[in-house]
Amino acid sequence: MKLHQIILVVCGVLMAAVCLGAGWFLFSAMLAKSAAASERNEKYDELRGIYNAKVFPSKENIVRVSEDQKVLEAWLVTASNVVHKGDLQVDQKTPTGFKQALQTTVRKLSAQPGAINGKVVAAGFNFGFDKYLGSSDSLPASEHVERLNQQLTIIELLCKELYAANILSLATVTRETFDEVGADQKPQEETGGRRSKRNANKPSAQSVPSPLAAGGKQNEFFTKQRFTFEFNARPPAFIDALNRLAAMDLFVVVAETEFRKTDDVLGKRAAAKQKKAGVKEDAAVVDPATLTHIERIVTDPELEPPVSVKLDIDVYSFNGV
């Protein structure tokens, strides 16, 4: 075969290969274009379906929302029953009727056995109502009777729980003295803000003026009143008192707690033993490993001194729940 024929054959082969490659790329491009066009049409149809669809939710969503609504309503009913379980049932009273109920309640609470001359409270203890008992024979204003009656009932219930925990003595009971706000504010304005000292020396001290005359701190859903109790109790009785307050049907929250030991019996006993044995204070420290089991005791529940406790207790009443 001649040379020019060979060259023509090679060129033909190369041309055929180029044509096949170009055809392949053209075919691939057409397939990609067709796939893109198909995807575009699907998205367009989907978008058009969204725009043309009804504005109401689907049946599945309606069923789901209805089920959630039933669950929420049941939860609200349960929660409302729980918070209203401790609602106070207080009878309506006149000022004279309240005074009689107050005297009866104070006598009953004062009869509880305890560590102060055989009673839990000292003589003349008025449980926060010094304004209406003792040397005072005043009657409450008619508009204050309802809340005073509520406070009396709450204090009685709280005292019963403390008594059931076997506290040793009750030192003070403090309530929100909303019934004295009007009387106290006038002297403060006239004397440049000095506080009245009318009740400063009373042992059951009970003056914590409340900013609201209608019902303590409150909002649309609840009313909160604060009471303060100071008492002496053994450590187990103190713990039992906290547990009892937490378990009350009345919605009670212990907001603040302060407590401290009133004595150190074990320390005094050890000091007395050292003094009796003639041990000097600067004597060498004894290795605890050399002591007997009884000598290594550092605490004794039977000898633990009472603790002086102060509890700030918030009592809630729910109105809009």
Protein backbone atom coordinates (compact mmCIF):
# COMPACT_ATOMS: atom_id res chain seq x y z
CA MET A 1 0.00 0.00 0.00
CA LYS A 2 1.27 3.35 -0.91
CA LEU A 3 2.20 5.95 1.65
CA HIS A 4 -0.54 8.40 0.85
CA GLN A 5 -3.11 5.64 1.20
CA ILE A 6 -1.81 4.77 4.68
CA ILE A 7 -2.03 8.42 5.69
CA LEU A 8 -5.63 8.61 4.48
CA VAL A 9 -6.60 5.48 6.45
CA VAL A 10 -5.03 6.82 9.67
CA CYS A 11 -6.75 10.16 9.25
CA GLY A 12 -10.07 8.42 8.66
CA VAL A 13 -9.66 6.36 11.82
CA LEU A 14 -8.80 9.46 13.84
CA MET A 15 -11.77 11.32 12.40
CA ALA A 16 -14.09 8.42 13.26
CA ALA A 17 -12.77 8.40 16.85
CA VAL A 18 -13.32 12.16 17.17
CA CYS A 19 -16.86 11.81 15.85
CA LEU A 20 -17.63 9.00 18.27
CA GLY A 21 -16.29 11.07 21.20
CA ALA A 22 -18.28 14.11 20.17
CA GLY A 23 -21.38 11.95 19.81
CA TRP A 24 -20.88 10.49 23.29
CA PHE A 25 -20.53 13.91 24.90
CA LEU A 26 -23.56 15.18 22.99
CA PHE A 27 -25.61 12.20 24.11
CA SER A 28 -24.51 12.68 27.78
CA ALA A 29 -25.39 16.36 27.64
CA MET A 30 -28.82 15.58 26.23
CA LEU A 31 -29.42 13.01 29.05
CA ALA A 32 -28.33 15.54 31.72
CA LYS A 33 -30.54 18.19 30.17
CA SER A 34 -33.49 15.82 30.12
CA ALA A 35 -32.93 14.85 33.80
CA ALA A 36 -32.64 18.53 34.83
CA ALA A 37 -35.78 19.38 32.91
CA SER A 38 -37.63 16.50 34.53
CA GLU A 39 -36.51 17.57 38.03
CA ARG A 40 -37.48 21.16 37.24
CA ASN A 41 -40.91 20.09 36.12
CA GLU A 42 -41.40 18.00 39.30
CA LYS A 43 -40.42 20.92 41.54
CA TYR A 44 -42.68 23.21 39.57
CA ASP A 45 -45.59 20.82 39.89
CA GLU A 46 -44.91 20.48 43.63
CA LEU A 47 -44.80 24.26 44.08
CA ARG A 48 -47.97 24.68 42.04
CA GLY A 49 -49.62 22.02 44.18
CA ILE A 50 -48.65 23.94 47.32
CA TYR A 51 -50.07 27.18 45.97
CA ASN A 52 -53.24 25.48 44.78
CA ALA A 53 -53.74 23.40 47.96
CA LYS A 54 -56.35 24.28 50.58
CA VAL A 55 -55.19 26.45 53.45
CA PHE A 56 -56.56 24.03 56.11
CA PRO A 57 -54.16 21.51 57.78
CA SER A 58 -54.15 17.91 56.81
CA LYS A 59 -56.39 15.36 58.48
CA GLU A 60 -53.37 13.77 60.18
CA ASN A 61 -52.36 17.06 61.76
CA ILE A 62 -55.93 17.74 62.86
CA VAL A 63 -56.06 14.36 64.62
CA ARG A 64 -52.67 14.95 66.27
CA VAL A 65 -53.65 18.41 67.51
CA SER A 66 -56.93 17.07 68.87
CA GLU A 67 -55.11 14.34 70.80
CA ASP A 68 -52.61 16.85 72.22
CA GLN A 69 -55.47 19.12 73.26
CA LYS A 70 -57.16 16.28 75.16
CA VAL A 71 -53.90 15.41 76.94
CA LEU A 72 -53.30 19.07 77.88
CA GLU A 73 -56.85 19.52 79.16
CA ALA A 74 -56.53 16.38 81.30
CA TRP A 75 -53.21 17.64 82.69
CA LEU A 76 -54.72 21.02 83.52
CA VAL A 77 -57.63 19.39 85.33
CA THR A 78 -55.25 17.20 87.33
CA ALA A 79 -52.97 20.15 88.18
CA SER A 80 -55.95 22.27 89.22
CA ASN A 81 -57.25 19.49 91.48
CA VAL A 82 -53.84 19.14 93.09
CA VAL A 83 -53.33 22.85 93.83
CA HIS A 84 -56.90 23.23 95.10
CA LYS A 85 -56.63 20.15 97.31
CA GLY A 86 -55.30 22.33 100.11
CA ASP A 87 -57.78 25.18 99.77
CA LEU A 88 -58.85 26.59 103.11
CA GLN A 89 -62.45 26.09 104.09
CA VAL A 90 -63.01 29.12 106.31
CA ASP A 91 -66.41 30.10 107.66
CA GLN A 92 -67.55 33.70 107.47
CA LYS A 93 -67.27 35.46 110.81
CA THR A 94 -68.11 38.78 112.34
CA PRO A 95 -65.41 40.73 114.24
CA THR A 96 -66.83 39.42 117.52
CA GLY A 97 -67.02 35.87 116.18
CA PHE A 98 -63.41 36.07 115.05
CA LYS A 99 -62.30 37.30 118.48
CA GLN A 100 -64.03 34.36 120.13
CA ALA A 101 -62.51 31.88 117.65
CA LEU A 102 -59.08 33.46 118.20
CA GLN A 103 -59.31 33.06 121.98
CA THR A 104 -60.42 29.43 121.65
CA THR A 105 -57.64 28.58 119.19
CA VAL A 106 -54.92 30.28 121.25
CA ARG A 107 -56.00 28.41 124.39
CA LYS A 108 -55.98 25.11 122.51
CA LEU A 109 -52.55 25.69 120.95
CA SER A 110 -51.11 26.94 124.24
CA ALA A 111 -52.10 23.72 126.01
CA GLN A 112 -49.56 21.65 124.05
CA PRO A 113 -46.94 20.05 126.38
CA GLY A 114 -43.39 21.30 125.93
CA ALA A 115 -40.17 22.48 127.52
CA ILE A 116 -41.33 25.87 128.88
CA ASN A 117 -42.77 25.10 132.31
CA GLY A 118 -44.36 22.01 130.86
CA LYS A 119 -45.85 23.84 127.86
CA VAL A 120 -44.63 24.44 124.34
CA VAL A 121 -45.17 28.22 124.60
CA ALA A 122 -44.75 30.74 127.38
CA ALA A 123 -47.72 32.19 129.21
CA GLY A 124 -49.40 35.02 127.32
CA PHE A 125 -48.19 33.80 123.92
CA ASN A 126 -50.67 35.08 121.32
CA PHE A 127 -49.42 33.39 118.12
CA GLY A 128 -49.03 36.67 116.22
CA PHE A 129 -52.31 38.27 117.26
CA ASP A 130 -51.13 40.59 120.06
CA LYS A 131 -53.25 43.36 118.61
CA TYR A 132 -56.44 41.51 119.52
CA LEU A 133 -55.42 39.62 122.68
CA GLY A 134 -53.58 40.25 125.93
CA SER A 135 -53.76 43.83 127.13
CA SER A 136 -55.57 44.82 123.94
CA ASP A 137 -59.31 44.26 123.68
CA SER A 138 -59.76 45.76 120.21
CA LEU A 139 -61.87 44.12 117.54
CA PRO A 140 -60.68 43.83 113.94
CA ALA A 141 -62.21 45.93 111.22
CA SER A 142 -64.93 44.16 109.29
CA GLU A 143 -62.97 44.28 106.03
CA HIS A 144 -60.02 42.52 107.72
CA VAL A 145 -61.91 39.66 109.35
CA GLU A 146 -61.85 37.29 106.37
CA ARG A 147 -58.09 37.39 105.91
CA LEU A 148 -57.42 37.37 109.66
CA ASN A 149 -59.54 34.24 109.89
CA GLN A 150 -57.49 32.69 107.08
CA GLN A 151 -54.25 33.56 108.86
CA LEU A 152 -55.53 32.07 112.11
CA THR A 153 -56.47 28.83 110.36
CA ILE A 154 -53.09 28.64 108.60
CA ILE A 155 -51.16 29.27 111.83
CA GLU A 156 -53.21 26.59 113.59
CA LEU A 157 -52.48 24.04 110.86
CA LEU A 158 -48.75 24.86 110.80
CA CYS A 159 -48.51 24.69 114.60
CA LYS A 160 -50.17 21.28 114.62
CA GLU A 161 -47.53 19.96 112.23
CA LEU A 162 -44.72 21.39 114.39
CA TYR A 163 -46.32 19.92 117.51
CA ALA A 164 -46.64 16.53 115.80
CA ALA A 165 -42.88 16.69 115.09
CA ASN A 166 -42.32 17.06 118.87
CA ILE A 167 -40.62 20.44 118.96
CA LEU A 168 -39.51 21.50 122.43
CA SER A 169 -40.69 25.11 122.48
CA LEU A 170 -42.17 27.72 120.20
CA ALA A 171 -40.55 31.14 120.58
CA THR A 172 -42.26 33.42 118.07
CA VAL A 173 -44.92 33.33 115.38
CA THR A 174 -44.93 36.14 112.85
CA ARG A 175 -47.66 36.88 110.34
CA GLU A 176 -48.11 39.62 107.74
CA THR A 177 -49.76 42.39 109.75
CA PHE A 178 -51.71 43.87 106.86
CA ASP A 179 -54.29 45.17 109.34
CA GLU A 180 -51.73 47.64 110.71
CA VAL A 181 -50.47 49.06 107.39
CA GLY A 182 -52.93 51.93 107.31
CA ALA A 183 -52.12 52.89 110.86
CA ASP A 184 -48.37 52.63 110.39
CA GLN A 185 -48.06 54.54 107.13
CA LYS A 186 -49.54 57.77 108.46
CA PRO A 187 -47.00 58.25 111.26
CA GLN A 188 -44.19 57.39 108.85
CA GLU A 189 -45.22 60.17 106.50
CA GLU A 190 -45.49 62.67 109.34
CA THR A 191 -42.17 61.74 111.00
CA GLY A 192 -40.06 61.37 107.88
CA GLY A 193 -40.25 57.59 107.59
CA ARG A 194 -39.51 56.44 111.16
CA ARG A 195 -41.09 53.13 112.02
CA SER A 196 -43.60 52.70 114.80
CA LYS A 197 -42.16 50.97 117.87
CA ARG A 198 -45.50 50.11 119.41
CA ASN A 199 -44.88 46.34 119.26
CA ALA A 200 -41.09 46.31 119.58
CA ASN A 201 -40.99 44.77 123.08
CA LYS A 202 -43.61 42.06 122.65
CA PRO A 203 -42.19 38.51 123.14
CA SER A 204 -44.21 36.85 120.38
CA ALA A 205 -43.26 39.67 118.09
CA GLN A 206 -45.28 39.66 115.20
CA SER A 207 -45.07 42.77 113.15
CA VAL A 208 -44.11 42.40 109.53
CA PRO A 209 -46.19 44.99 107.67
CA SER A 210 -47.41 43.73 104.36
CA PRO A 211 -47.39 45.93 101.25
CA LEU A 212 -50.82 44.67 100.26
CA ALA A 213 -53.86 45.08 102.46
CA ALA A 214 -55.99 42.72 100.39
CA GLY A 215 -54.07 39.45 100.45
CA GLY A 216 -50.27 39.43 100.52
CA LYS A 217 -48.16 39.11 97.41
CA GLN A 218 -50.38 38.12 94.56
CA ASN A 219 -50.85 38.03 90.81
CA GLU A 220 -53.54 36.83 88.46
CA PHE A 221 -53.23 33.19 89.50
CA PHE A 222 -52.18 32.98 93.15
CA THR A 223 -51.90 34.77 96.47
CA LYS A 224 -48.91 34.26 98.78
CA GLN A 225 -48.66 35.00 102.48
CA ARG A 226 -45.52 34.64 104.61
CA PHE A 227 -45.34 33.33 108.15
CA THR A 228 -42.23 33.04 110.33
CA PHE A 229 -41.81 30.47 113.12
CA GLU A 230 -38.94 30.36 115.59
CA PHE A 231 -38.67 27.28 117.79
CA ASN A 232 -36.29 24.91 119.57
CA ALA A 233 -36.20 21.25 118.65
CA ARG A 234 -33.98 18.21 118.66
CA PRO A 235 -32.30 17.62 115.26
CA PRO A 236 -34.56 14.65 114.38
CA ALA A 237 -37.63 16.70 115.30
CA PHE A 238 -36.38 19.57 113.10
CA ILE A 239 -36.05 17.21 110.12
CA ASP A 240 -39.46 15.69 110.86
CA ALA A 241 -40.98 19.19 110.95
CA LEU A 242 -39.61 19.98 107.48
CA ASN A 243 -40.95 16.70 106.11
CA ARG A 244 -44.37 17.29 107.64
CA LEU A 245 -44.60 20.80 106.20
CA ALA A 246 -43.68 19.47 102.76
CA ALA A 247 -46.39 16.79 102.97
CA MET A 248 -49.26 19.12 103.96
CA ASP A 249 -52.29 19.40 101.72
CA LEU A 250 -51.95 23.15 102.18
CA PHE A 251 -49.58 24.49 99.51
CA VAL A 252 -46.66 25.31 101.83
CA VAL A 253 -43.15 26.30 100.75
CA VAL A 254 -40.32 26.70 103.27
CA ALA A 255 -38.63 29.74 101.73
CA GLU A 256 -35.81 30.31 104.25
CA THR A 257 -34.29 28.18 107.00
CA GLU A 258 -31.90 29.23 109.75
CA PHE A 259 -30.74 26.96 112.56
CA ARG A 260 -27.92 26.75 115.09
CA LYS A 261 -27.04 24.63 118.10
CA THR A 262 -28.08 26.00 121.46
CA ASP A 263 -25.41 24.12 123.45
CA ASP A 264 -22.45 21.72 123.18
CA VAL A 265 -23.10 18.97 125.70
CA LEU A 266 -20.35 16.64 124.49
CA GLY A 267 -17.77 19.41 124.56
CA LYS A 268 -18.73 20.35 128.10
CA ARG A 269 -18.66 16.71 129.17
CA ALA A 270 -15.16 16.22 127.72
CA ALA A 271 -13.95 19.41 129.38
CA ALA A 272 -15.41 18.32 132.69
CA LYS A 273 -13.68 14.94 132.43
CA GLN A 274 -10.35 16.62 131.66
CA LYS A 275 -10.79 19.02 134.55
CA LYS A 276 -11.68 16.20 136.91
CA ALA A 277 -8.66 14.22 135.77
CA GLY A 278 -6.41 17.26 136.16
CA VAL A 279 -5.48 17.35 132.48
CA LYS A 280 -3.99 20.68 131.43
CA GLU A 281 -5.29 22.41 128.33
CA ASP A 282 -1.83 22.34 126.72
CA ALA A 283 -1.40 18.58 127.32
CA ALA A 284 -0.13 16.44 124.48
CA VAL A 285 -2.71 15.32 121.95
CA VAL A 286 -3.79 11.72 122.46
CA ASP A 287 -3.64 9.36 119.49
CA PRO A 288 -7.29 8.35 118.71
CA ALA A 289 -6.09 4.85 117.79
CA THR A 290 -5.15 4.26 121.42
CA LEU A 291 -8.64 5.15 122.71
CA THR A 292 -11.45 2.71 123.34
CA HIS A 293 -14.64 2.69 121.26
CA ILE A 294 -16.56 4.62 123.93
CA GLU A 295 -13.78 7.18 124.28
CA ARG A 296 -13.76 7.82 120.51
CA ILE A 297 -17.46 8.85 120.39
CA VAL A 298 -17.70 12.42 119.08
CA THR A 299 -21.48 12.64 118.88
CA ASP A 300 -24.40 11.08 120.66
CA PRO A 301 -28.01 11.46 119.43
CA GLU A 302 -29.18 11.12 123.01
CA LEU A 303 -27.02 14.04 124.09
CA GLU A 304 -27.28 16.25 121.03
CA PRO A 305 -28.37 19.74 122.14
CA PRO A 306 -31.52 21.28 120.69
CA VAL A 307 -31.24 23.52 117.66
CA SER A 308 -32.76 26.97 117.45
CA VAL A 309 -34.69 27.12 114.19
CA LYS A 310 -36.20 29.96 112.20
CA LEU A 311 -38.47 29.08 109.28
CA ASP A 312 -39.89 31.53 106.75
CA ILE A 313 -42.93 29.78 105.32
CA ASP A 314 -44.87 30.92 102.24
CA VAL A 315 -48.47 29.70 101.97
CA TYR A 316 -50.05 29.90 98.51
CA SER A 317 -53.70 30.14 97.54
CA PHE A 318 -54.60 29.61 93.89
CA ASN A 319 -57.41 31.64 92.37
CA GLY A 320 -57.17 31.57 88.59
CA VAL A 321 -56.01 28.01 88.01
